[in-house]
C-alpha cells in the first residue's frame, strides 16, 4: 500500500498561566492511500490538537509544536515555511472541523466560501469557480444545490452545513482529509448519511481519511485501522477488527465495556454498561509514570514510576502498557 501520512514523535504543548499542557505528547501514526484511520478517545485527550498540528493550525502562542515529523507523501509539513504550507493546505490536505457553525463565515454565502479555495488553488475565475462549487454541493448530496449557493450558513440545517464543510474539504481533491467529529450533534439518520458520503468520496477519489471521534460504533463502521488516544498519547494501535475483538490496554478495555455489545459482535451479554472509574488526569500536572494509573484496575508499582514504552504485540499491533513489556 502507498503510505500517504506518517507522523513520528509529534509533541504539541501549550503554555498557560497554570502551567504547561502536554496536549499531544509523542504521537506516532501512519495512514495508507484510500484507507481510514480512526482516532478515538474521551473529550480532552488531544484528538483535535493532533489534527490541528498536522494542519499547522496551532495558534502560536500559546501553543507550539516542540518536535516530530509530519510526512505527507514524502514532504515534512513541519519543515515548510508558512507560504509553502498555505499552498498545500486545502489542496493536498484538508479538514472538516467539528462545529460547522463556528467554522463557516457567517457573512459570506456558501458559494463564495467553497469557491474561494477553488480559485486560490486552481487559478480559475469567479464564474468557473461558482460552477465548480455547485458541482461539489451536488456531489455531497445537497438538495437544491443551485439555490444553496446564495444562502448563508445560518439559513441551513446542521446536516446541510456539514455537507458544505465536506464540499469545501473535497473541492480541490485532496490526498488526505482530516474529519474531526463529523457527525457530532446530528441525528442518527443524518449521521449515517454523512458517514456513507465520506465512504463514497473515499472510493471515488482515493482520498485517505483520518476520522476523529469518541464513538466506537463510527470507528467500527468506517475505519480499517484505529488508534486509541489518552492524555495526549496513543495507548493502543492496530486494525479495527483486532482492537475491537481483543482490546489490550486497560483503557481500551474500559471503553469496550462501556459500549453496547453490537459494537464488537461479542456474544457476551451485559445487564448494565460499565463505567471507567475516576476522571481524565489534569494535563497541567500529569503524574509520573502512566497517565492512566489512577483509573486502572491492573496498576503496578512500576506504573507509578516510569512512563510505559510502546510494545509491539504482533506486526502493526502496538500497546503502551507495562502489562505487556
C-alpha atoms as a PDB file:
ATOM      1  CA  UNK A   1       0.000   0.000   0.000  1.00  0.00           C
ATOM      2  CA  UNK A   2       1.115   3.557  -0.707  1.00  0.00           C
ATOM      3  CA  UNK A   3       1.845   5.419   2.513  1.00  0.00           C
ATOM      4  CA  UNK A   4       0.178   8.846   2.487  1.00  0.00           C
ATOM      5  CA  UNK A   5       0.879  10.104   6.009  1.00  0.00           C
ATOM      6  CA  UNK A   6       3.495   9.282   8.634  1.00  0.00           C
ATOM      7  CA  UNK A   7       3.541  11.127  11.958  1.00  0.00           C
ATOM      8  CA  UNK A   8       6.559  10.483  14.184  1.00  0.00           C
ATOM      9  CA  UNK A   9       7.130  11.625  17.790  1.00  0.00           C
ATOM     10  CA  UNK A  10       4.800  14.613  17.459  1.00  0.00           C
ATOM     11  CA  UNK A  11       4.688  16.838  20.540  1.00  0.00           C
ATOM     12  CA  UNK A  12       2.439  19.894  20.844  1.00  0.00           C
ATOM     13  CA  UNK A  13       2.404  21.827  24.135  1.00  0.00           C
ATOM     14  CA  UNK A  14       0.508  24.882  25.331  1.00  0.00           C
ATOM     15  CA  UNK A  15       1.995  27.387  27.785  1.00  0.00           C
ATOM     16  CA  UNK A  16      -0.633  28.850  30.121  1.00  0.00           C
ATOM     17  CA  UNK A  17      -0.746  30.738  33.384  1.00  0.00           C
ATOM     18  CA  UNK A  18      -1.430  27.454  35.187  1.00  0.00           C
ATOM     19  CA  UNK A  19       1.471  25.581  33.584  1.00  0.00           C
ATOM     20  CA  UNK A  20       2.363  23.553  30.507  1.00  0.00           C
ATOM     21  CA  UNK A  21      -0.336  21.435  28.849  1.00  0.00           C
ATOM     22  CA  UNK A  22       1.137  18.441  27.010  1.00  0.00           C
ATOM     23  CA  UNK A  23      -1.799  18.126  24.623  1.00  0.00           C
ATOM     24  CA  UNK A  24      -0.003  15.858  22.147  1.00  0.00           C
ATOM     25  CA  UNK A  25       2.923  14.029  23.681  1.00  0.00           C
ATOM     26  CA  UNK A  26       4.953  11.747  21.414  1.00  0.00           C
ATOM     27  CA  UNK A  27       2.345  10.527  18.908  1.00  0.00           C
ATOM     28  CA  UNK A  28       3.237   8.049  16.137  1.00  0.00           C
ATOM     29  CA  UNK A  29       0.622   7.168  13.495  1.00  0.00           C
ATOM     30  CA  UNK A  30       0.515   6.283   9.791  1.00  0.00           C
ATOM     31  CA  UNK A  31      -2.131   6.110   7.085  1.00  0.00           C
ATOM     32  CA  UNK A  32      -2.231   4.405   3.670  1.00  0.00           C
ATOM     33  CA  UNK A  33      -3.832   5.655   0.467  1.00  0.00           C
ATOM     34  CA  UNK A  34      -7.596   5.086   0.291  1.00  0.00           C
ATOM     35  CA  UNK A  35      -7.812   3.945   3.928  1.00  0.00           C
ATOM     36  CA  UNK A  36      -9.468   5.393   7.009  1.00  0.00           C
ATOM     37  CA  UNK A  37      -7.648   5.694  10.343  1.00  0.00           C
ATOM     38  CA  UNK A  38      -9.923   6.191  13.333  1.00  0.00           C
ATOM     39  CA  UNK A  39      -8.684   8.228  16.314  1.00  0.00           C
ATOM     40  CA  UNK A  40     -10.833   7.506  19.358  1.00  0.00           C
ATOM     41  CA  UNK A  41     -10.738   8.769  22.929  1.00  0.00           C
ATOM     42  CA  UNK A  42     -12.507  10.855  25.548  1.00  0.00           C
ATOM     43  CA  UNK A  43     -13.011  14.599  25.202  1.00  0.00           C
ATOM     44  CA  UNK A  44      -9.829  16.452  26.085  1.00  0.00           C
ATOM     45  CA  UNK A  45      -7.444  13.626  25.189  1.00  0.00           C
ATOM     46  CA  UNK A  46      -5.778  15.586  22.363  1.00  0.00           C
ATOM     47  CA  UNK A  47      -7.552  14.318  19.233  1.00  0.00           C
ATOM     48  CA  UNK A  48      -8.385  17.738  17.794  1.00  0.00           C
ATOM     49  CA  UNK A  49      -4.987  19.186  18.704  1.00  0.00           C
ATOM     50  CA  UNK A  50      -3.392  16.272  16.835  1.00  0.00           C
ATOM     51  CA  UNK A  51      -5.353  17.167  13.686  1.00  0.00           C
ATOM     52  CA  UNK A  52      -4.613  20.889  14.031  1.00  0.00           C
ATOM     53  CA  UNK A  53      -0.911  20.086  14.477  1.00  0.00           C
ATOM     54  CA  UNK A  54      -0.893  18.088  11.243  1.00  0.00           C
ATOM     55  CA  UNK A  55      -2.609  21.020   9.504  1.00  0.00           C
ATOM     56  CA  UNK A  56      -0.138  23.514  11.078  1.00  0.00           C
ATOM     57  CA  UNK A  57      -3.063  25.463  12.559  1.00  0.00           C
ATOM     58  CA  UNK A  58      -1.885  25.590  16.180  1.00  0.00           C
ATOM     59  CA  UNK A  59      -2.083  29.194  17.490  1.00  0.00           C
ATOM     60  CA  UNK A  60       1.409  30.349  18.461  1.00  0.00           C
ATOM     61  CA  UNK A  61       1.392  31.452  21.252  1.00  0.00           C
ATOM     62  CA  UNK A  62       0.148  29.846  23.458  1.00  0.00           C
ATOM     63  CA  UNK A  63       0.731  26.611  21.542  1.00  0.00           C
ATOM     64  CA  UNK A  64       3.886  25.312  19.909  1.00  0.00           C
ATOM     65  CA  UNK A  65       4.959  22.147  18.135  1.00  0.00           C
ATOM     66  CA  UNK A  66       8.084  21.099  20.014  1.00  0.00           C
ATOM     67  CA  UNK A  67       9.242  18.120  17.977  1.00  0.00           C
ATOM     68  CA  UNK A  68       8.362  15.443  15.490  1.00  0.00           C
ATOM     69  CA  UNK A  69       7.754  14.930  11.798  1.00  0.00           C
ATOM     70  CA  UNK A  70       4.563  15.013   9.735  1.00  0.00           C
ATOM     71  CA  UNK A  71       5.408  13.408   6.396  1.00  0.00           C
ATOM     72  CA  UNK A  72       2.748  13.832   3.692  1.00  0.00           C
ATOM     73  CA  UNK A  73       3.802  11.911   0.588  1.00  0.00           C
ATOM     74  CA  UNK A  74       7.487  12.427   1.320  1.00  0.00           C
ATOM     75  CA  UNK A  75       7.237  16.078   2.411  1.00  0.00           C
ATOM     76  CA  UNK A  76       7.747  17.070   6.050  1.00  0.00           C
ATOM     77  CA  UNK A  77       4.983  19.618   6.666  1.00  0.00           C
ATOM     78  CA  UNK A  78       6.627  20.864   9.849  1.00  0.00           C
ATOM     79  CA  UNK A  79       9.702  21.958   7.872  1.00  0.00           C
ATOM     80  CA  UNK A  80       7.770  24.120   5.381  1.00  0.00           C
ATOM     81  CA  UNK A  81       7.621  27.900   5.581  1.00  0.00           C
ATOM     82  CA  UNK A  82       4.125  29.423   6.082  1.00  0.00           C
ATOM     83  CA  UNK A  83       3.690  30.285   2.385  1.00  0.00           C
ATOM     84  CA  UNK A  84       4.519  26.759   1.226  1.00  0.00           C
ATOM     85  CA  UNK A  85       2.195  25.314   3.854  1.00  0.00           C
ATOM     86  CA  UNK A  86      -0.666  27.520   2.661  1.00  0.00           C
ATOM     87  CA  UNK A  87      -0.219  26.142  -0.854  1.00  0.00           C
ATOM     88  CA  UNK A  88      -0.651  22.583   0.476  1.00  0.00           C
ATOM     89  CA  UNK A  89      -3.420  23.258   2.999  1.00  0.00           C
ATOM     90  CA  UNK A  90      -6.753  22.886   1.240  1.00  0.00           C
ATOM     91  CA  UNK A  91      -5.188  21.330  -1.864  1.00  0.00           C
ATOM     92  CA  UNK A  92      -3.202  18.292  -0.694  1.00  0.00           C
ATOM     93  CA  UNK A  93      -4.641  18.096   2.812  1.00  0.00           C
ATOM     94  CA  UNK A  94      -7.960  19.432   4.119  1.00  0.00           C
ATOM     95  CA  UNK A  95     -10.016  19.320   7.299  1.00  0.00           C
ATOM     96  CA  UNK A  96     -13.667  19.035   8.269  1.00  0.00           C
ATOM     97  CA  UNK A  97     -13.934  20.963  11.517  1.00  0.00           C
ATOM     98  CA  UNK A  98     -16.003  19.790  14.469  1.00  0.00           C
ATOM     99  CA  UNK A  99     -18.668  22.508  14.518  1.00  0.00           C
ATOM    100  CA  UNK A 100     -19.645  23.894  11.093  1.00  0.00           C
ATOM    101  CA  UNK A 101     -21.466  26.918  12.524  1.00  0.00           C
ATOM    102  CA  UNK A 102     -18.237  28.054  14.186  1.00  0.00           C
ATOM    103  CA  UNK A 103     -16.084  27.231  11.154  1.00  0.00           C
ATOM    104  CA  UNK A 104     -18.119  28.735   8.324  1.00  0.00           C
ATOM    105  CA  UNK A 105     -18.038  32.505   7.782  1.00  0.00           C
ATOM    106  CA  UNK A 106     -21.491  33.857   8.731  1.00  0.00           C
ATOM    107  CA  UNK A 107     -21.286  36.871   6.388  1.00  0.00           C
ATOM    108  CA  UNK A 108     -20.270  35.027   3.202  1.00  0.00           C
ATOM    109  CA  UNK A 109     -22.551  32.872   1.086  1.00  0.00           C
ATOM    110  CA  UNK A 110     -21.875  29.161   0.869  1.00  0.00           C
ATOM    111  CA  UNK A 111     -20.972  29.516  -2.809  1.00  0.00           C
ATOM    112  CA  UNK A 112     -18.349  32.173  -2.067  1.00  0.00           C
ATOM    113  CA  UNK A 113     -16.778  30.082   0.681  1.00  0.00           C
ATOM    114  CA  UNK A 114     -16.458  26.949  -1.432  1.00  0.00           C
ATOM    115  CA  UNK A 115     -15.319  28.943  -4.455  1.00  0.00           C
ATOM    116  CA  UNK A 116     -12.588  30.778  -2.522  1.00  0.00           C
ATOM    117  CA  UNK A 117     -10.494  27.618  -2.073  1.00  0.00           C
ATOM    118  CA  UNK A 118     -11.068  26.586  -5.687  1.00  0.00           C
ATOM    119  CA  UNK A 119      -9.937  29.991  -7.036  1.00  0.00           C
ATOM    120  CA  UNK A 120      -6.904  30.062  -4.757  1.00  0.00           C
ATOM    121  CA  UNK A 121      -5.543  26.595  -5.576  1.00  0.00           C
ATOM    122  CA  UNK A 122      -6.736  26.075  -9.141  1.00  0.00           C
ATOM    123  CA  UNK A 123      -6.303  29.609 -10.504  1.00  0.00           C
ATOM    124  CA  UNK A 124      -9.715  29.872 -12.171  1.00  0.00           C
ATOM    125  CA  UNK A 125     -12.148  32.774 -12.478  1.00  0.00           C
ATOM    126  CA  UNK A 126     -15.224  33.512 -10.321  1.00  0.00           C
ATOM    127  CA  UNK A 127     -17.767  32.144 -12.805  1.00  0.00           C
ATOM    128  CA  UNK A 128     -15.938  28.851 -13.265  1.00  0.00           C
ATOM    129  CA  UNK A 129     -15.382  28.587  -9.502  1.00  0.00           C
ATOM    130  CA  UNK A 130     -19.112  29.065  -8.904  1.00  0.00           C
ATOM    131  CA  UNK A 131     -19.860  26.238 -11.335  1.00  0.00           C
ATOM    132  CA  UNK A 132     -17.356  24.021  -9.560  1.00  0.00           C
ATOM    133  CA  UNK A 133     -18.916  24.927  -6.192  1.00  0.00           C
ATOM    134  CA  UNK A 134     -22.333  23.883  -7.494  1.00  0.00           C
ATOM    135  CA  UNK A 135     -20.862  20.574  -8.680  1.00  0.00           C
ATOM    136  CA  UNK A 136     -19.364  19.964  -5.233  1.00  0.00           C
ATOM    137  CA  UNK A 137     -22.687  20.621  -3.479  1.00  0.00           C
ATOM    138  CA  UNK A 138     -24.400  18.198  -5.855  1.00  0.00           C
ATOM    139  CA  UNK A 139     -21.642  15.670  -5.240  1.00  0.00           C
ATOM    140  CA  UNK A 140     -22.241  15.715  -1.467  1.00  0.00           C
ATOM    141  CA  UNK A 141     -25.993  15.291  -1.949  1.00  0.00           C
ATOM    142  CA  UNK A 142     -27.101  18.827  -1.131  1.00  0.00           C
ATOM    143  CA  UNK A 143     -30.784  19.324  -2.079  1.00  0.00           C
ATOM    144  CA  UNK A 144     -31.470  22.280  -4.419  1.00  0.00           C
ATOM    145  CA  UNK A 145     -27.733  22.895  -4.838  1.00  0.00           C
ATOM    146  CA  UNK A 146     -28.131  25.916  -7.127  1.00  0.00           C
ATOM    147  CA  UNK A 147     -30.307  27.779  -4.612  1.00  0.00           C
ATOM    148  CA  UNK A 148     -27.972  26.902  -1.721  1.00  0.00           C
ATOM    149  CA  UNK A 149     -25.041  28.713  -3.352  1.00  0.00           C
ATOM    150  CA  UNK A 150     -26.557  32.088  -2.468  1.00  0.00           C
ATOM    151  CA  UNK A 151     -27.566  31.140   1.071  1.00  0.00           C
ATOM    152  CA  UNK A 152     -25.708  31.843   4.305  1.00  0.00           C
ATOM    153  CA  UNK A 153     -24.780  29.169   6.877  1.00  0.00           C
ATOM    154  CA  UNK A 154     -27.497  30.242   9.356  1.00  0.00           C
ATOM    155  CA  UNK A 155     -30.144  29.504   6.717  1.00  0.00           C
ATOM    156  CA  UNK A 156     -29.230  25.821   6.661  1.00  0.00           C
ATOM    157  CA  UNK A 157     -29.763  22.856   8.952  1.00  0.00           C
ATOM    158  CA  UNK A 158     -26.903  21.161  10.796  1.00  0.00           C
ATOM    159  CA  UNK A 159     -26.750  18.339   8.270  1.00  0.00           C
ATOM    160  CA  UNK A 160     -26.632  20.798   5.368  1.00  0.00           C
ATOM    161  CA  UNK A 161     -23.830  22.794   6.988  1.00  0.00           C
ATOM    162  CA  UNK A 162     -21.869  19.591   7.481  1.00  0.00           C
ATOM    163  CA  UNK A 163     -22.294  18.797   3.781  1.00  0.00           C
ATOM    164  CA  UNK A 164     -20.985  22.268   2.964  1.00  0.00           C
ATOM    165  CA  UNK A 165     -17.905  21.581   5.108  1.00  0.00           C
ATOM    166  CA  UNK A 166     -17.325  18.297   3.275  1.00  0.00           C
ATOM    167  CA  UNK A 167     -17.791  20.024  -0.103  1.00  0.00           C
ATOM    168  CA  UNK A 168     -15.178  22.629   0.891  1.00  0.00           C
ATOM    169  CA  UNK A 169     -12.785  19.925   2.085  1.00  0.00           C
ATOM    170  CA  UNK A 170     -13.126  17.943  -1.160  1.00  0.00           C
ATOM    171  CA  UNK A 171     -13.219  20.895  -3.569  1.00  0.00           C
ATOM    172  CA  UNK A 172      -9.575  20.519  -4.642  1.00  0.00           C
ATOM    173  CA  UNK A 173      -9.430  16.688  -4.474  1.00  0.00           C
ATOM    174  CA  UNK A 174      -7.009  16.425  -1.518  1.00  0.00           C
ATOM    175  CA  UNK A 175      -4.930  13.322  -0.898  1.00  0.00           C
ATOM    176  CA  UNK A 176      -5.738  13.430   2.835  1.00  0.00           C
ATOM    177  CA  UNK A 177      -8.807  14.636   4.714  1.00  0.00           C
ATOM    178  CA  UNK A 178      -8.981  15.084   8.484  1.00  0.00           C
ATOM    179  CA  UNK A 179     -12.555  14.717   9.751  1.00  0.00           C
ATOM    180  CA  UNK A 180     -12.986  15.986  13.317  1.00  0.00           C
ATOM    181  CA  UNK A 181     -16.201  14.579  14.813  1.00  0.00           C
ATOM    182  CA  UNK A 182     -18.099  14.985  11.503  1.00  0.00           C
ATOM    183  CA  UNK A 183     -21.337  13.522  12.917  1.00  0.00           C
ATOM    184  CA  UNK A 184     -21.454  15.339  16.274  1.00  0.00           C
ATOM    185  CA  UNK A 185     -24.873  16.884  17.141  1.00  0.00           C
ATOM    186  CA  UNK A 186     -26.542  15.298  14.096  1.00  0.00           C
ATOM    187  CA  UNK A 187     -29.474  12.920  14.391  1.00  0.00           C
ATOM    188  CA  UNK A 188     -28.902   9.236  13.673  1.00  0.00           C
ATOM    189  CA  UNK A 189     -30.276   9.312  10.115  1.00  0.00           C
ATOM    190  CA  UNK A 190     -28.096  12.273   9.106  1.00  0.00           C
ATOM    191  CA  UNK A 191     -25.073  10.677  10.812  1.00  0.00           C
ATOM    192  CA  UNK A 192     -25.464   7.590   8.633  1.00  0.00           C
ATOM    193  CA  UNK A 193     -25.765   9.746   5.506  1.00  0.00           C
ATOM    194  CA  UNK A 194     -22.612  11.727   6.340  1.00  0.00           C
ATOM    195  CA  UNK A 195     -20.592   8.556   7.011  1.00  0.00           C
ATOM    196  CA  UNK A 196     -21.810   6.995   3.773  1.00  0.00           C
ATOM    197  CA  UNK A 197     -20.895  10.186   1.941  1.00  0.00           C
ATOM    198  CA  UNK A 198     -17.332  10.073   3.315  1.00  0.00           C
ATOM    199  CA  UNK A 199     -17.039   6.419   2.326  1.00  0.00           C
ATOM    200  CA  UNK A 200     -18.268   7.195  -1.193  1.00  0.00           C
ATOM    201  CA  UNK A 201     -15.766  10.037  -1.568  1.00  0.00           C
ATOM    202  CA  UNK A 202     -13.006   7.697  -0.452  1.00  0.00           C
ATOM    203  CA  UNK A 203     -13.999   5.088  -3.027  1.00  0.00           C
ATOM    204  CA  UNK A 204     -14.332   7.572  -5.902  1.00  0.00           C
ATOM    205  CA  UNK A 205     -11.314   9.789  -5.309  1.00  0.00           C
ATOM    206  CA  UNK A 206      -8.986   7.515  -3.347  1.00  0.00           C
ATOM    207  CA  UNK A 207      -8.862  10.086  -0.554  1.00  0.00           C
ATOM    208  CA  UNK A 208      -7.383   8.914   2.730  1.00  0.00           C
ATOM    209  CA  UNK A 209      -9.296   9.911   5.870  1.00  0.00           C
ATOM    210  CA  UNK A 210      -8.251  10.429   9.468  1.00  0.00           C
ATOM    211  CA  UNK A 211     -11.534  10.160  11.337  1.00  0.00           C
ATOM    212  CA  UNK A 212     -11.625  11.661  14.838  1.00  0.00           C
ATOM    213  CA  UNK A 213     -14.463  10.535  17.073  1.00  0.00           C
ATOM    214  CA  UNK A 214     -15.403   9.378  20.567  1.00  0.00           C
ATOM    215  CA  UNK A 215     -17.863   6.842  19.088  1.00  0.00           C
ATOM    216  CA  UNK A 216     -16.554   3.287  18.707  1.00  0.00           C
ATOM    217  CA  UNK A 217     -19.594   2.454  16.566  1.00  0.00           C
ATOM    218  CA  UNK A 218     -18.490   5.004  13.962  1.00  0.00           C
ATOM    219  CA  UNK A 219     -14.967   3.540  14.017  1.00  0.00           C
ATOM    220  CA  UNK A 220     -16.314   0.006  13.583  1.00  0.00           C
ATOM    221  CA  UNK A 221     -18.328   1.040  10.533  1.00  0.00           C
ATOM    222  CA  UNK A 222     -15.863   3.305   8.772  1.00  0.00           C
ATOM    223  CA  UNK A 223     -12.196   2.644   9.597  1.00  0.00           C
ATOM    224  CA  UNK A 224      -9.627  -0.025   8.752  1.00  0.00           C
ATOM    225  CA  UNK A 225      -7.136   0.926  11.477  1.00  0.00           C
ATOM    226  CA  UNK A 226      -7.666   2.671  14.791  1.00  0.00           C
ATOM    227  CA  UNK A 227      -5.600   4.471  17.407  1.00  0.00           C
ATOM    228  CA  UNK A 228      -6.820   4.848  20.979  1.00  0.00           C
ATOM    229  CA  UNK A 229      -5.701   8.158  22.498  1.00  0.00           C
ATOM    230  CA  UNK A 230      -5.491   9.032  26.171  1.00  0.00           C
ATOM    231  CA  UNK A 231      -3.985  12.148  27.808  1.00  0.00           C
ATOM    232  CA  UNK A 232      -2.060  13.147  24.695  1.00  0.00           C
ATOM    233  CA  UNK A 233      -0.582   9.745  23.804  1.00  0.00           C
ATOM    234  CA  UNK A 234      -1.570   6.767  21.660  1.00  0.00           C
ATOM    235  CA  UNK A 235      -2.062   3.867  24.081  1.00  0.00           C
ATOM    236  CA  UNK A 236      -3.139   1.242  21.529  1.00  0.00           C
ATOM    237  CA  UNK A 237      -2.937   0.898  17.749  1.00  0.00           C
ATOM    238  CA  UNK A 238      -3.972  -1.809  15.291  1.00  0.00           C
ATOM    239  CA  UNK A 239      -6.573  -2.888  12.802  1.00  0.00           C
ATOM    240  CA  UNK A 240     -10.161  -2.188  13.832  1.00  0.00           C
ATOM    241  CA  UNK A 241     -11.059  -5.887  13.846  1.00  0.00           C
ATOM    242  CA  UNK A 242      -8.090  -6.776  16.072  1.00  0.00           C
ATOM    243  CA  UNK A 243      -8.564  -3.977  18.602  1.00  0.00           C
ATOM    244  CA  UNK A 244     -12.334  -4.376  18.950  1.00  0.00           C
ATOM    245  CA  UNK A 245     -12.149  -8.174  19.191  1.00  0.00           C
ATOM    246  CA  UNK A 246      -9.239  -8.248  21.658  1.00  0.00           C
ATOM    247  CA  UNK A 247      -8.516  -4.872  23.331  1.00  0.00           C
ATOM    248  CA  UNK A 248      -5.172  -4.932  25.148  1.00  0.00           C
ATOM    249  CA  UNK A 249      -4.800  -1.648  27.023  1.00  0.00           C
ATOM    250  CA  UNK A 250      -6.924  -1.321  30.204  1.00  0.00           C
ATOM    251  CA  UNK A 251      -8.304   1.972  28.857  1.00  0.00           C
ATOM    252  CA  UNK A 252      -9.393   0.351  25.591  1.00  0.00           C
ATOM    253  CA  UNK A 253     -10.943  -2.487  27.582  1.00  0.00           C
ATOM    254  CA  UNK A 254     -12.839   0.072  29.646  1.00  0.00           C
ATOM    255  CA  UNK A 255     -14.130   1.783  26.507  1.00  0.00           C
ATOM    256  CA  UNK A 256     -15.322  -1.541  25.134  1.00  0.00           C
ATOM    257  CA  UNK A 257     -17.055  -2.456  28.398  1.00  0.00           C
ATOM    258  CA  UNK A 258     -18.914   0.859  28.349  1.00  0.00           C
ATOM    259  CA  UNK A 259     -20.337   0.360  24.831  1.00  0.00           C
ATOM    260  CA  UNK A 260     -23.190  -1.862  23.590  1.00  0.00           C
ATOM    261  CA  UNK A 261     -22.381  -5.446  22.635  1.00  0.00           C
ATOM    262  CA  UNK A 262     -23.159  -4.970  18.954  1.00  0.00           C
ATOM    263  CA  UNK A 263     -20.077  -2.778  18.511  1.00  0.00           C
ATOM    264  CA  UNK A 264     -17.690  -5.727  18.586  1.00  0.00           C
ATOM    265  CA  UNK A 265     -20.120  -8.538  17.857  1.00  0.00           C
ATOM    266  CA  UNK A 266     -19.437 -10.128  21.229  1.00  0.00           C
ATOM    267  CA  UNK A 267     -21.705 -12.913  22.423  1.00  0.00           C
ATOM    268  CA  UNK A 268     -21.218 -11.717  25.984  1.00  0.00           C
ATOM    269  CA  UNK A 269     -24.384 -10.046  27.259  1.00  0.00           C
ATOM    270  CA  UNK A 270     -24.353  -7.371  29.949  1.00  0.00           C
ATOM    271  CA  UNK A 271     -27.285  -6.178  32.004  1.00  0.00           C
ATOM    272  CA  UNK A 272     -25.623  -2.791  32.504  1.00  0.00           C
ATOM    273  CA  UNK A 273     -22.818  -0.925  30.807  1.00  0.00           C
ATOM    274  CA  UNK A 274     -19.624  -0.490  32.823  1.00  0.00           C
ATOM    275  CA  UNK A 275     -18.080   2.844  33.783  1.00  0.00           C
ATOM    276  CA  UNK A 276     -14.384   3.701  33.758  1.00  0.00           C
ATOM    277  CA  UNK A 277     -13.690   4.923  37.310  1.00  0.00           C
ATOM    278  CA  UNK A 278     -12.197   8.319  38.036  1.00  0.00           C
ATOM    279  CA  UNK A 279     -11.583  11.177  35.613  1.00  0.00           C
ATOM    280  CA  UNK A 280      -9.033  12.146  32.986  1.00  0.00           C
ATOM    281  CA  UNK A 281      -5.896  13.448  34.761  1.00  0.00           C
ATOM    282  CA  UNK A 282      -5.139  17.150  34.880  1.00  0.00           C
ATOM    283  CA  UNK A 283      -2.970  17.827  31.826  1.00  0.00           C
ATOM    284  CA  UNK A 284      -1.309  20.690  33.681  1.00  0.00           C
ATOM    285  CA  UNK A 285       0.270  18.273  36.142  1.00  0.00           C
ATOM    286  CA  UNK A 286       0.368  14.715  34.867  1.00  0.00           C
ATOM    287  CA  UNK A 287       1.637  12.210  37.443  1.00  0.00           C
ATOM    288  CA  UNK A 288       4.983  10.466  36.937  1.00  0.00           C
ATOM    289  CA  UNK A 289       4.592   7.134  35.208  1.00  0.00           C
ATOM    290  CA  UNK A 290       1.496   6.022  33.335  1.00  0.00           C
ATOM    291  CA  UNK A 291      -1.190   8.678  32.946  1.00  0.00           C
ATOM    292  CA  UNK A 292      -3.925   6.038  33.341  1.00  0.00           C
ATOM    293  CA  UNK A 293      -2.638   4.735  36.694  1.00  0.00           C
ATOM    294  CA  UNK A 294      -5.366   6.198  38.928  1.00  0.00           C
ATOM    295  CA  UNK A 295      -8.154   4.632  36.849  1.00  0.00           C
ATOM    296  CA  UNK A 296      -6.526   1.270  36.139  1.00  0.00           C
ATOM    297  CA  UNK A 297      -7.501  -1.990  37.854  1.00  0.00           C
ATOM    298  CA  UNK A 298      -4.113  -3.545  36.977  1.00  0.00           C
ATOM    299  CA  UNK A 299      -1.823  -0.782  38.278  1.00  0.00           C
ATOM    300  CA  UNK A 300       1.621  -1.957  39.468  1.00  0.00           C
ATOM    301  CA  UNK A 301       4.420  -0.077  41.302  1.00  0.00           C
ATOM    302  CA  UNK A 302       6.313   0.478  38.033  1.00  0.00           C
ATOM    303  CA  UNK A 303       3.222   2.194  36.579  1.00  0.00           C
ATOM    304  CA  UNK A 304       3.618   4.988  39.142  1.00  0.00           C
ATOM    305  CA  UNK A 305       7.332   5.426  38.491  1.00  0.00           C
ATOM    306  CA  UNK A 306       8.002   5.179  34.758  1.00  0.00           C
ATOM    307  CA  UNK A 307       6.068   6.079  31.616  1.00  0.00           C
ATOM    308  CA  UNK A 308       5.453   2.861  29.646  1.00  0.00           C
ATOM    309  CA  UNK A 309       7.039   2.497  26.229  1.00  0.00           C
ATOM    310  CA  UNK A 310       5.412   1.019  23.148  1.00  0.00           C
ATOM    311  CA  UNK A 311       5.295  -2.766  22.924  1.00  0.00           C
ATOM    312  CA  UNK A 312       4.643  -4.428  19.558  1.00  0.00           C
ATOM    313  CA  UNK A 313       2.498  -7.489  20.255  1.00  0.00           C
ATOM    314  CA  UNK A 314       2.382  -8.507  16.605  1.00  0.00           C
ATOM    315  CA  UNK A 315       3.126  -6.815  13.286  1.00  0.00           C
ATOM    316  CA  UNK A 316       1.325  -3.474  13.315  1.00  0.00           C
ATOM    317  CA  UNK A 317      -0.339  -4.078  16.709  1.00  0.00           C
ATOM    318  CA  UNK A 318       1.087  -1.804  19.405  1.00  0.00           C
ATOM    319  CA  UNK A 319       0.176  -1.104  23.014  1.00  0.00           C
ATOM    320  CA  UNK A 320       1.653   1.277  25.600  1.00  0.00           C
ATOM    321  CA  UNK A 321       1.275  -0.602  28.902  1.00  0.00           C
ATOM    322  CA  UNK A 322       3.594  -2.207  31.448  1.00  0.00           C
ATOM    323  CA  UNK A 323       1.461  -5.367  31.399  1.00  0.00           C
ATOM    324  CA  UNK A 324       2.948  -6.276  28.030  1.00  0.00           C
ATOM    325  CA  UNK A 325       6.541  -5.055  28.407  1.00  0.00           C
END
